[in-house]
Amino acid sequence: MVARVLVIDDDAALRFTLQAVLEDAGLAVDARDGGAAGLAEFEARGADVVITDLAMAPVDGMHVLEAMRAQDPSVPVLMLTAHGSERAAVAAMKAGAFDYMPKPFDPEELVLSVLRAVETRTLRLQNARLRTESALGRAIVAESAAMQRVLDLVARVAPKDVTVLFLGDSGTGKEVMAAALHAHSKRADKPFVRFNAAAIPSELAEAELFGHVKGAFTGALTARRGYFQAADGGTLFIDEIGELPPAIQAKLLRALQSGEVQPVGGRAEHVDVRLVAATNRDLAADVKAGRFREDLFYRLDVVTIRLPALRDRPEDVAPLVKTFVRTYADRYGMGNVEVEGALVSAFERHPWPGNVRELENTVARLLAIAPDDKLTLALWDLREAPEQDSPHGAARVVTSEAAGVGHPLRRRVEAFERSIISEQFEAAGRNQSETARRLGVSRPALIEKLHKYGLI
């Protein structure tokens, strides 16, 4: 992947020269006129290296440096300084600039400095990725610059005991990143507790989060610890936090402000919990609409990390497919699976509204119905085509089953079914009712499957 350099200067001739020099060196370059335009471009698309003039108005180079390091601490920023501004350049270095270059600059020296900056950033991102994988015990696919920035930010924020809010569409990996954050933190040897606000009826949310004493309400036959108490000393991850009812938002705010939680019917208790939250909603818009408390929003919005949708990082599709094929082929007892290039190309063009989760389930389904150890574009077309569109649709699927002599379809389908049930069972905290709701089956049917696959 070609490194991308963002050049920011209010001198058009200098921008042109810098772009020509860097492009001749094989780098991709975007140039913007002034600090405000440069910051807008960086916020929209990021960059691997930034070159900015120090003396600009109204947004100068120091402001650009501070704003960019706040957004992405891993990005190297090179400062261009005029003669006589060496003191300002030293101040910029102390503030985190990677290097500074006096005007007029030597083209070869400039290119060498930029290449060193690219190498430094690459090593930073690789180290962050390796630390995350080691902590989670699983591979993290992040070939795209967007996901590498996320990993780097997670690694940097994790040791600092601050509240973190993950934003992004469903299926982008917010829970995985929250687990990575905990694994990198000083609380890594303490509990990591997951609570899905969308999975609990509003009337039960208070008791689930904060616990209750015996007799607090009808059916409370025994006392029960809440998710906050279970996470004491560790990290509480609240997924879909935008779904919390207003009354619970107020109690959550109190817990964040005071470190105390009050079980239903009981007395306040002190807990030491780091809160990490996630949502696919626009909380700022919910605040304006009165659906989410403004004071709670600002308590959560200490550090915000946005996960990009899969459609915005197509570079990750091929390595994700490779990872999922290896994982599910092992589960299904298959050999080495060949993936047709045309299928991968089609995957890269697909919008994936369900993001990484949808891609993973698609790969698992295709492996389950594949007649041999090969995934092809034709197989995906067959699987995605509605049966009612063709009177031969059902017959074609049966033909695929009959062809799978070496790998019986039933065994593959059962392995796929077990993996999905197991995944949802664990994601729901082994709550049978919630798992049944997620899977769209009755609780008795779920229990039968759980026993069948040895999950309880």
Protein backbone atom coordinates (compact mmCIF):
# COMPACT_ATOMS: atom_id res chain seq x y z
CA MET A 1 0.00 0.00 0.00
CA VAL A 2 1.44 3.36 -1.07
CA ALA A 3 1.97 5.77 1.83
CA ARG A 4 -0.21 8.87 1.70
CA VAL A 5 1.28 12.27 2.53
CA LEU A 6 -0.85 15.31 3.35
CA VAL A 7 0.84 18.63 2.50
CA ILE A 8 -0.54 21.79 4.16
CA ASP A 9 0.75 25.19 3.12
CA ASP A 10 -0.77 28.53 2.15
CA ASP A 11 1.82 29.04 -0.60
CA ALA A 12 0.51 27.54 -3.86
CA ALA A 13 3.95 27.37 -5.50
CA LEU A 14 5.43 25.53 -2.53
CA ARG A 15 2.52 23.09 -2.46
CA PHE A 16 3.09 22.33 -6.13
CA THR A 17 6.83 21.77 -5.57
CA LEU A 18 6.33 19.51 -2.56
CA GLN A 19 3.72 17.43 -4.38
CA ALA A 20 5.98 16.97 -7.42
CA VAL A 21 9.02 15.98 -5.31
CA LEU A 22 7.10 13.47 -3.19
CA GLU A 23 5.18 11.93 -6.09
CA ASP A 24 8.47 11.41 -7.93
CA ALA A 25 9.57 9.42 -4.87
CA GLY A 26 6.56 7.08 -5.29
CA LEU A 27 4.36 8.58 -2.58
CA ALA A 28 0.67 9.51 -2.85
CA VAL A 29 0.17 13.19 -2.08
CA ASP A 30 -2.79 15.41 -1.23
CA ALA A 31 -2.14 19.15 -0.88
CA ARG A 32 -4.39 21.64 0.91
CA ASP A 33 -4.34 25.43 1.13
CA GLY A 34 -3.94 26.43 4.77
CA GLY A 35 -4.45 24.89 8.19
CA ALA A 36 -8.26 24.81 8.23
CA ALA A 37 -8.48 22.98 4.89
CA GLY A 38 -5.70 20.61 5.95
CA LEU A 39 -7.45 19.72 9.21
CA ALA A 40 -10.71 19.09 7.38
CA GLU A 41 -8.97 16.75 4.94
CA PHE A 42 -7.19 14.92 7.76
CA GLU A 43 -10.42 14.45 9.68
CA ALA A 44 -12.13 13.08 6.57
CA ARG A 45 -9.43 10.75 5.24
CA GLY A 46 -6.43 10.74 7.57
CA ALA A 47 -2.85 10.44 6.32
CA ASP A 48 0.31 8.42 6.92
CA VAL A 49 2.53 11.52 7.14
CA VAL A 50 1.71 15.23 7.38
CA ILE A 51 3.91 18.09 6.18
CA THR A 52 2.74 21.49 7.37
CA ASP A 53 4.09 25.00 7.24
CA LEU A 54 4.61 26.51 10.68
CA ALA A 55 3.66 30.11 9.85
CA MET A 56 0.10 30.22 8.48
CA ALA A 57 -2.94 32.31 9.30
CA PRO A 58 -5.46 32.02 10.80
CA VAL A 59 -4.71 28.35 11.66
CA ASP A 60 -0.95 27.97 12.15
CA GLY A 61 1.24 24.89 12.13
CA MET A 62 1.29 24.46 15.92
CA HIS A 63 -2.50 24.32 15.98
CA VAL A 64 -2.44 21.79 13.14
CA LEU A 65 0.09 19.66 15.04
CA GLU A 66 -1.91 19.67 18.27
CA ALA A 67 -5.21 18.89 16.53
CA MET A 68 -3.78 16.03 14.47
CA ARG A 69 -1.99 14.41 17.39
CA ALA A 70 -5.24 14.58 19.35
CA GLN A 71 -7.04 12.73 16.54
CA ASP A 72 -4.27 10.27 15.64
CA PRO A 73 -1.23 10.20 17.96
CA SER A 74 0.64 7.84 15.63
CA VAL A 75 0.79 10.20 12.64
CA PRO A 76 4.24 11.80 12.10
CA VAL A 77 4.06 15.55 11.47
CA LEU A 78 6.94 17.36 9.72
CA MET A 79 7.18 21.12 10.11
CA LEU A 80 8.41 23.55 7.45
CA THR A 81 10.07 26.58 9.02
CA ALA A 82 11.28 29.86 7.58
CA HIS A 83 14.72 31.27 8.38
CA GLY A 84 14.82 32.72 11.87
CA SER A 85 12.01 30.56 13.30
CA GLU A 86 14.27 27.84 14.74
CA ARG A 87 12.97 28.50 18.26
CA ALA A 88 9.41 27.82 17.12
CA ALA A 89 10.60 24.64 15.39
CA VAL A 90 12.16 23.40 18.64
CA ALA A 91 8.88 24.12 20.43
CA ALA A 92 7.08 22.07 17.78
CA MET A 93 9.47 19.15 18.34
CA LYS A 94 8.77 19.30 22.06
CA ALA A 95 5.03 19.25 21.26
CA GLY A 96 5.45 16.04 19.30
CA ALA A 97 6.52 16.96 15.76
CA PHE A 98 8.51 14.21 14.05
CA ASP A 99 11.01 16.53 12.35
CA TYR A 100 11.38 20.04 10.95
CA MET A 101 12.80 21.24 7.65
CA PRO A 102 14.06 24.81 7.03
CA LYS A 103 13.05 26.70 3.90
CA PRO A 104 14.36 26.49 1.26
CA PHE A 105 14.60 22.71 1.69
CA ASP A 106 16.80 20.16 -0.02
CA PRO A 107 14.52 17.76 -1.98
CA GLU A 108 16.60 14.67 -1.16
CA GLU A 109 16.69 15.49 2.55
CA LEU A 110 12.95 16.07 2.53
CA VAL A 111 12.23 12.72 0.86
CA LEU A 112 14.54 10.88 3.28
CA SER A 113 12.80 12.49 6.26
CA VAL A 114 9.37 11.56 4.90
CA LEU A 115 10.45 7.95 4.26
CA ARG A 116 11.79 7.70 7.81
CA ALA A 117 8.46 9.01 9.05
CA VAL A 118 6.58 6.40 6.99
CA GLU A 119 8.78 3.62 8.41
CA THR A 120 8.27 4.90 11.97
CA ARG A 121 4.50 4.98 11.56
CA THR A 122 4.45 1.50 10.01
CA LEU A 123 6.39 0.08 12.95
CA ARG A 124 4.12 1.82 15.45
CA LEU A 125 1.00 0.40 13.84
CA GLN A 126 2.49 -3.10 13.53
CA ASN A 127 3.48 -3.08 17.20
CA ALA A 128 0.02 -1.95 18.23
CA ARG A 129 -1.51 -4.71 16.15
CA LEU A 130 0.79 -7.39 17.60
CA ARG A 131 0.11 -6.24 21.16
CA THR A 132 -3.62 -6.43 20.54
CA GLU A 133 -3.45 -9.89 18.99
CA SER A 134 -1.29 -11.15 21.84
CA ALA A 135 -3.67 -9.77 24.44
CA LEU A 136 -6.78 -11.21 22.75
CA GLY A 137 -5.25 -14.51 21.70
CA ARG A 138 -6.65 -14.10 18.18
CA ALA A 139 -5.63 -12.54 14.90
CA ILE A 140 -6.76 -9.01 14.14
CA VAL A 141 -7.09 -8.23 10.45
CA ALA A 142 -6.17 -4.60 9.85
CA GLU A 143 -4.41 -4.06 6.53
CA SER A 144 -6.18 -0.77 5.93
CA ALA A 145 -4.77 2.47 7.27
CA ALA A 146 -8.13 3.23 8.92
CA MET A 147 -8.09 0.08 11.07
CA GLN A 148 -4.40 0.41 11.84
CA ARG A 149 -5.12 3.86 13.26
CA VAL A 150 -7.89 2.36 15.41
CA LEU A 151 -5.52 -0.29 16.80
CA ASP A 152 -2.87 2.29 17.53
CA LEU A 153 -5.35 4.52 19.35
CA VAL A 154 -6.72 1.58 21.36
CA ALA A 155 -3.19 0.65 22.44
CA ARG A 156 -2.43 4.23 23.46
CA VAL A 157 -5.66 4.85 25.37
CA ALA A 158 -5.91 1.46 27.10
CA PRO A 159 -3.38 2.06 29.92
CA LYS A 160 -5.05 5.37 30.84
CA ASP A 161 -8.06 4.77 33.06
CA VAL A 162 -10.52 6.90 31.08
CA THR A 163 -13.99 6.25 29.73
CA VAL A 164 -14.00 5.25 26.06
CA LEU A 165 -16.90 5.39 23.61
CA PHE A 166 -16.77 3.23 20.47
CA LEU A 167 -18.91 4.38 17.55
CA GLY A 168 -19.66 2.53 14.33
CA ASP A 169 -22.18 0.50 12.41
CA SER A 170 -23.31 -2.91 13.66
CA GLY A 171 -20.82 -5.64 12.89
CA THR A 172 -17.72 -3.43 12.66
CA GLY A 173 -16.04 -5.02 15.69
CA LYS A 174 -16.78 -2.64 18.55
CA GLU A 175 -16.94 -5.43 21.12
CA VAL A 176 -13.65 -6.91 19.91
CA MET A 177 -11.96 -3.52 20.24
CA ALA A 178 -13.45 -3.06 23.72
CA ALA A 179 -12.00 -6.43 24.73
CA ALA A 180 -8.64 -5.36 23.26
CA LEU A 181 -8.80 -2.15 25.26
CA HIS A 182 -9.36 -4.11 28.47
CA ALA A 183 -6.59 -6.57 27.60
CA HIS A 184 -4.10 -3.69 27.23
CA SER A 185 -5.22 -1.94 30.40
CA LYS A 186 -3.96 -2.08 33.98
CA ARG A 187 -7.18 -3.98 34.77
CA ALA A 188 -6.39 -6.85 32.39
CA ASP A 189 -6.25 -9.41 35.22
CA LYS A 190 -9.69 -8.32 36.48
CA PRO A 191 -13.14 -9.09 35.00
CA PHE A 192 -14.27 -7.87 31.59
CA VAL A 193 -18.07 -7.84 31.82
CA ARG A 194 -20.37 -7.33 28.84
CA PHE A 195 -23.85 -5.81 29.09
CA ASN A 196 -26.07 -5.39 26.02
CA ALA A 197 -28.52 -2.59 26.72
CA ALA A 198 -30.68 -3.54 23.73
CA ALA A 199 -31.10 -7.13 24.94
CA ILE A 200 -32.66 -6.37 28.33
CA PRO A 201 -36.26 -5.16 28.79
CA SER A 202 -36.30 -1.62 30.19
CA GLU A 203 -38.10 -2.71 33.37
CA LEU A 204 -35.28 -5.15 34.16
CA ALA A 205 -32.33 -2.97 33.14
CA GLU A 206 -31.88 -1.34 36.58
CA ALA A 207 -31.78 -4.65 38.45
CA GLU A 208 -29.47 -6.17 35.85
CA LEU A 209 -26.99 -3.29 35.94
CA PHE A 210 -27.01 -2.45 39.65
CA GLY A 211 -28.33 -5.62 41.29
CA HIS A 212 -31.17 -6.05 43.77
CA VAL A 213 -31.79 -7.27 47.29
CA LYS A 214 -34.08 -10.11 48.30
CA GLY A 215 -37.73 -9.06 48.17
CA ALA A 216 -37.04 -5.82 46.29
CA PHE A 217 -39.81 -6.67 43.84
CA THR A 218 -42.11 -9.53 42.94
CA GLY A 219 -40.02 -12.52 41.98
CA ALA A 220 -36.84 -11.32 43.72
CA LEU A 221 -36.55 -14.46 45.83
CA THR A 222 -32.84 -13.99 46.41
CA ALA A 223 -30.39 -11.10 46.29
CA ARG A 224 -28.43 -10.71 43.07
CA ARG A 225 -25.28 -8.81 42.14
CA GLY A 226 -25.53 -6.53 39.12
CA TYR A 227 -23.16 -6.13 36.19
CA PHE A 228 -21.42 -3.22 37.94
CA GLN A 229 -20.65 -5.34 40.99
CA ALA A 230 -19.50 -8.22 38.79
CA ALA A 231 -17.06 -5.87 37.02
CA ASP A 232 -15.65 -4.40 40.25
CA GLY A 233 -11.93 -3.79 39.74
CA GLY A 234 -12.22 -4.44 36.01
CA THR A 235 -14.03 -3.13 32.94
CA LEU A 236 -17.76 -2.93 32.21
CA PHE A 237 -18.60 -2.82 28.51
CA ILE A 238 -22.10 -1.49 27.79
CA ASP A 239 -23.04 -2.23 24.21
CA GLU A 240 -25.84 -0.30 22.48
CA ILE A 241 -25.77 2.26 25.29
CA GLY A 242 -28.09 4.52 23.31
CA GLU A 243 -30.92 2.06 24.03
CA LEU A 244 -30.86 2.65 27.80
CA PRO A 245 -34.12 4.18 29.09
CA PRO A 246 -33.85 7.74 30.52
CA ALA A 247 -34.30 6.65 34.16
CA ILE A 248 -31.36 4.25 33.89
CA GLN A 249 -29.28 6.91 32.14
CA ALA A 250 -29.62 9.05 35.26
CA LYS A 251 -28.51 6.21 37.54
CA LEU A 252 -25.59 5.40 35.24
CA LEU A 253 -24.49 9.04 35.35
CA ARG A 254 -24.51 8.91 39.14
CA ALA A 255 -22.40 5.75 39.11
CA LEU A 256 -19.85 7.42 36.83
CA GLN A 257 -19.73 10.59 38.92
CA SER A 258 -19.59 9.06 42.39
CA GLY A 259 -18.33 5.52 41.86
CA GLU A 260 -21.39 4.30 43.75
CA VAL A 261 -24.24 2.08 42.61
CA GLN A 262 -27.49 1.44 44.45
CA PRO A 263 -29.06 -2.02 44.13
CA VAL A 264 -32.84 -2.03 43.81
CA GLY A 265 -34.19 -1.93 47.37
CA GLY A 266 -30.71 -1.70 48.88
CA ARG A 267 -28.03 0.73 50.01
CA ALA A 268 -25.40 2.38 47.85
CA GLU A 269 -22.19 0.43 47.31
CA HIS A 270 -18.82 1.68 46.08
CA VAL A 271 -17.41 0.03 42.96
CA ASP A 272 -14.20 0.56 41.03
CA VAL A 273 -15.16 0.10 37.38
CA ARG A 274 -13.81 1.42 34.11
CA LEU A 275 -16.69 2.01 31.73
CA VAL A 276 -16.36 1.35 28.00
CA ALA A 277 -19.45 1.91 25.87
CA ALA A 278 -20.49 1.38 22.26
CA THR A 279 -23.34 2.37 20.00
CA ASN A 280 -24.31 2.48 16.35
CA ARG A 281 -26.52 5.51 17.03
CA ASP A 282 -25.72 9.18 16.64
CA LEU A 283 -25.73 10.10 20.33
CA ALA A 284 -25.18 13.80 19.62
CA ALA A 285 -28.37 13.81 17.55
CA ASP A 286 -30.17 11.86 20.28
CA VAL A 287 -29.11 14.50 22.79
CA LYS A 288 -30.60 17.27 20.63
CA ALA A 289 -33.80 15.25 20.22
CA GLY A 290 -34.06 14.70 23.99
CA ARG A 291 -33.59 10.92 23.76
CA PHE A 292 -30.24 10.85 25.55
CA ARG A 293 -29.00 12.85 28.52
CA GLU A 294 -26.53 15.56 27.57
CA ASP A 295 -24.59 15.30 30.84
CA LEU A 296 -24.20 11.53 30.40
CA PHE A 297 -23.10 12.00 26.80
CA TYR A 298 -20.25 14.28 27.88
CA ARG A 299 -19.29 11.81 30.61
CA LEU A 300 -19.00 9.09 27.97
CA ASP A 301 -17.39 11.24 25.30
CA VAL A 302 -13.96 11.46 26.98
CA VAL A 303 -12.24 9.43 24.26
CA THR A 304 -14.25 8.49 21.18
CA ILE A 305 -13.02 5.88 18.72
CA ARG A 306 -14.95 5.42 15.49
CA LEU A 307 -14.69 2.07 13.72
CA PRO A 308 -14.93 2.30 9.92
CA ALA A 309 -17.50 0.30 7.98
CA LEU A 310 -16.15 -2.58 5.92
CA ARG A 311 -17.19 -0.84 2.70
CA ASP A 312 -14.74 1.94 3.62
CA ARG A 313 -11.78 -0.42 4.03
CA PRO A 314 -11.87 -2.86 1.09
CA GLU A 315 -8.16 -3.61 1.64
CA ASP A 316 -9.22 -5.74 4.62
CA VAL A 317 -11.69 -7.94 2.72
CA ALA A 318 -9.20 -10.40 1.19
CA PRO A 319 -7.26 -11.04 4.44
CA LEU A 320 -10.55 -11.34 6.35
CA VAL A 321 -11.77 -13.95 3.88
CA LYS A 322 -8.51 -15.85 4.29
CA THR A 323 -8.85 -15.79 8.08
CA PHE A 324 -12.50 -16.90 8.07
CA VAL A 325 -11.86 -19.67 5.54
CA ARG A 326 -9.07 -21.06 7.70
CA THR A 327 -11.22 -20.87 10.85
CA TYR A 328 -14.36 -22.50 9.46
CA ALA A 329 -12.58 -25.05 7.29
CA ASP A 330 -10.96 -26.36 10.47
CA ARG A 331 -14.33 -26.48 12.25
CA TYR A 332 -15.95 -28.30 9.36
CA GLY A 333 -13.15 -30.85 8.99
CA MET A 334 -12.21 -29.68 5.50
CA GLY A 335 -8.79 -29.66 3.89
CA ASN A 336 -7.06 -26.73 2.23
CA VAL A 337 -9.75 -24.59 0.64
CA GLU A 338 -9.09 -22.71 -2.59
CA VAL A 339 -10.87 -19.37 -2.95
CA GLU A 340 -11.51 -18.15 -6.49
CA GLY A 341 -10.08 -14.70 -7.21
CA ALA A 342 -13.32 -13.60 -8.85
CA LEU A 343 -15.18 -14.31 -5.60
CA VAL A 344 -12.77 -12.19 -3.57
CA SER A 345 -13.07 -9.37 -6.11
CA ALA A 346 -16.86 -9.54 -5.86
CA PHE A 347 -16.60 -9.47 -2.07
CA GLU A 348 -14.43 -6.34 -2.29
CA ARG A 349 -17.09 -4.58 -4.38
CA HIS A 350 -19.99 -5.67 -2.17
CA PRO A 351 -21.26 -2.97 0.27
CA TRP A 352 -21.60 -5.38 3.25
CA PRO A 353 -24.32 -3.58 5.23
CA GLY A 354 -23.71 -6.08 8.04
CA ASN A 355 -19.96 -5.36 7.92
CA VAL A 356 -17.40 -7.90 9.16
CA ARG A 357 -20.03 -10.04 10.87
CA GLU A 358 -21.94 -10.41 7.59
CA LEU A 359 -18.77 -11.30 5.67
CA GLU A 360 -17.85 -13.93 8.27
CA ASN A 361 -21.30 -15.54 8.16
CA THR A 362 -21.24 -15.52 4.35
CA VAL A 363 -17.91 -17.35 4.25
CA ALA A 364 -19.18 -19.87 6.82
CA ARG A 365 -22.35 -20.51 4.79
CA LEU A 366 -20.47 -20.96 1.54
CA LEU A 367 -18.12 -23.46 3.13
CA ALA A 368 -21.10 -25.33 4.55
CA ILE A 369 -22.71 -25.85 1.12
CA ALA A 370 -19.54 -26.15 -1.00
CA PRO A 371 -19.48 -29.46 -2.93
CA ASP A 372 -15.68 -29.58 -2.71
CA ASP A 373 -12.73 -27.71 -1.23
CA LYS A 374 -13.26 -24.64 -3.40
CA LEU A 375 -15.22 -21.43 -3.03
CA THR A 376 -16.30 -19.85 -6.30
CA LEU A 377 -18.27 -16.85 -7.45
CA ALA A 378 -20.88 -19.22 -8.91
CA LEU A 379 -21.37 -20.75 -5.47
CA TRP A 380 -22.04 -17.33 -3.94
CA ASP A 381 -24.48 -16.49 -6.74
CA LEU A 382 -26.26 -19.77 -6.06
CA ARG A 383 -26.41 -19.18 -2.31
CA GLU A 384 -27.63 -15.58 -2.59
CA ALA A 385 -30.24 -16.19 -5.32
CA PRO A 386 -33.82 -16.36 -3.92
CA GLU A 387 -35.39 -19.72 -4.67
CA GLN A 388 -38.58 -18.12 -5.92
CA ASP A 389 -36.63 -16.43 -8.71
CA SER A 390 -35.93 -19.78 -10.28
CA PRO A 391 -37.98 -22.99 -10.25
CA HIS A 392 -34.69 -24.87 -10.26
CA GLY A 393 -33.24 -23.10 -7.20
CA ALA A 394 -34.04 -25.84 -4.71
CA ALA A 395 -32.90 -28.57 -7.06
CA ARG A 396 -29.56 -26.81 -7.53
CA VAL A 397 -28.95 -26.79 -3.77
CA VAL A 398 -29.80 -30.48 -3.55
CA THR A 399 -27.34 -31.12 -6.37
CA SER A 400 -24.65 -29.38 -4.33
CA GLU A 401 -25.45 -31.62 -1.36
CA ALA A 402 -25.29 -34.74 -3.47
CA ALA A 403 -21.95 -33.67 -4.87
CA GLY A 404 -20.38 -33.28 -1.43
CA VAL A 405 -19.49 -36.94 -1.01
CA GLY A 406 -16.21 -36.23 0.78
CA HIS A 407 -17.74 -33.73 3.18
CA PRO A 408 -21.39 -34.51 3.98
CA LEU A 409 -23.59 -31.43 4.01
CA ARG A 410 -25.31 -32.39 7.26
CA ARG A 411 -22.02 -32.45 9.16
CA ARG A 412 -21.06 -29.06 7.81
CA VAL A 413 -24.44 -27.52 8.49
CA GLU A 414 -24.43 -28.86 12.06
CA ALA A 415 -20.93 -27.49 12.62
CA PHE A 416 -22.05 -24.12 11.29
CA GLU A 417 -25.20 -24.18 13.42
CA ARG A 418 -23.21 -25.06 16.54
CA SER A 419 -20.73 -22.23 15.95
CA ILE A 420 -23.51 -19.65 15.52
CA ILE A 421 -25.42 -20.83 18.61
CA SER A 422 -22.23 -20.93 20.67
CA GLU A 423 -21.24 -17.43 19.53
CA GLN A 424 -24.63 -15.92 20.38
CA PHE A 425 -24.87 -17.87 23.66
CA GLU A 426 -21.56 -16.43 24.87
CA ALA A 427 -22.36 -12.94 23.52
CA ALA A 428 -25.60 -12.99 25.54
CA GLY A 429 -23.70 -13.88 28.71
CA ARG A 430 -25.03 -17.48 28.49
CA ASN A 431 -28.53 -16.12 29.05
CA GLN A 432 -30.87 -18.62 27.38
CA SER A 433 -33.82 -16.26 26.91
CA GLU A 434 -31.67 -13.56 25.33
CA THR A 435 -29.91 -16.09 23.09
CA ALA A 436 -33.27 -17.44 21.91
CA ARG A 437 -34.41 -13.89 21.13
CA ARG A 438 -31.25 -13.17 19.15
CA LEU A 439 -31.58 -16.37 17.13
CA GLY A 440 -35.33 -16.03 16.61
CA VAL A 441 -36.22 -19.42 18.14
CA SER A 442 -38.20 -20.54 21.17
CA ARG A 443 -36.38 -21.12 24.45
CA PRO A 444 -37.22 -24.87 24.55
CA ALA A 445 -35.88 -25.26 20.99
CA LEU A 446 -32.70 -23.48 21.98
CA ILE A 447 -32.23 -25.64 25.08
CA GLU A 448 -32.58 -28.74 22.91
CA LYS A 449 -29.83 -27.45 20.60
CA LEU A 450 -27.60 -26.48 23.53
CA HIS A 451 -27.84 -30.01 24.89
CA LYS A 452 -27.33 -31.53 21.44
CA TYR A 453 -24.09 -29.64 20.89
CA GLY A 454 -22.80 -30.01 24.44
CA LEU A 455 -22.94 -26.30 25.19
CA ILE A 456 -24.65 -26.79 28.59
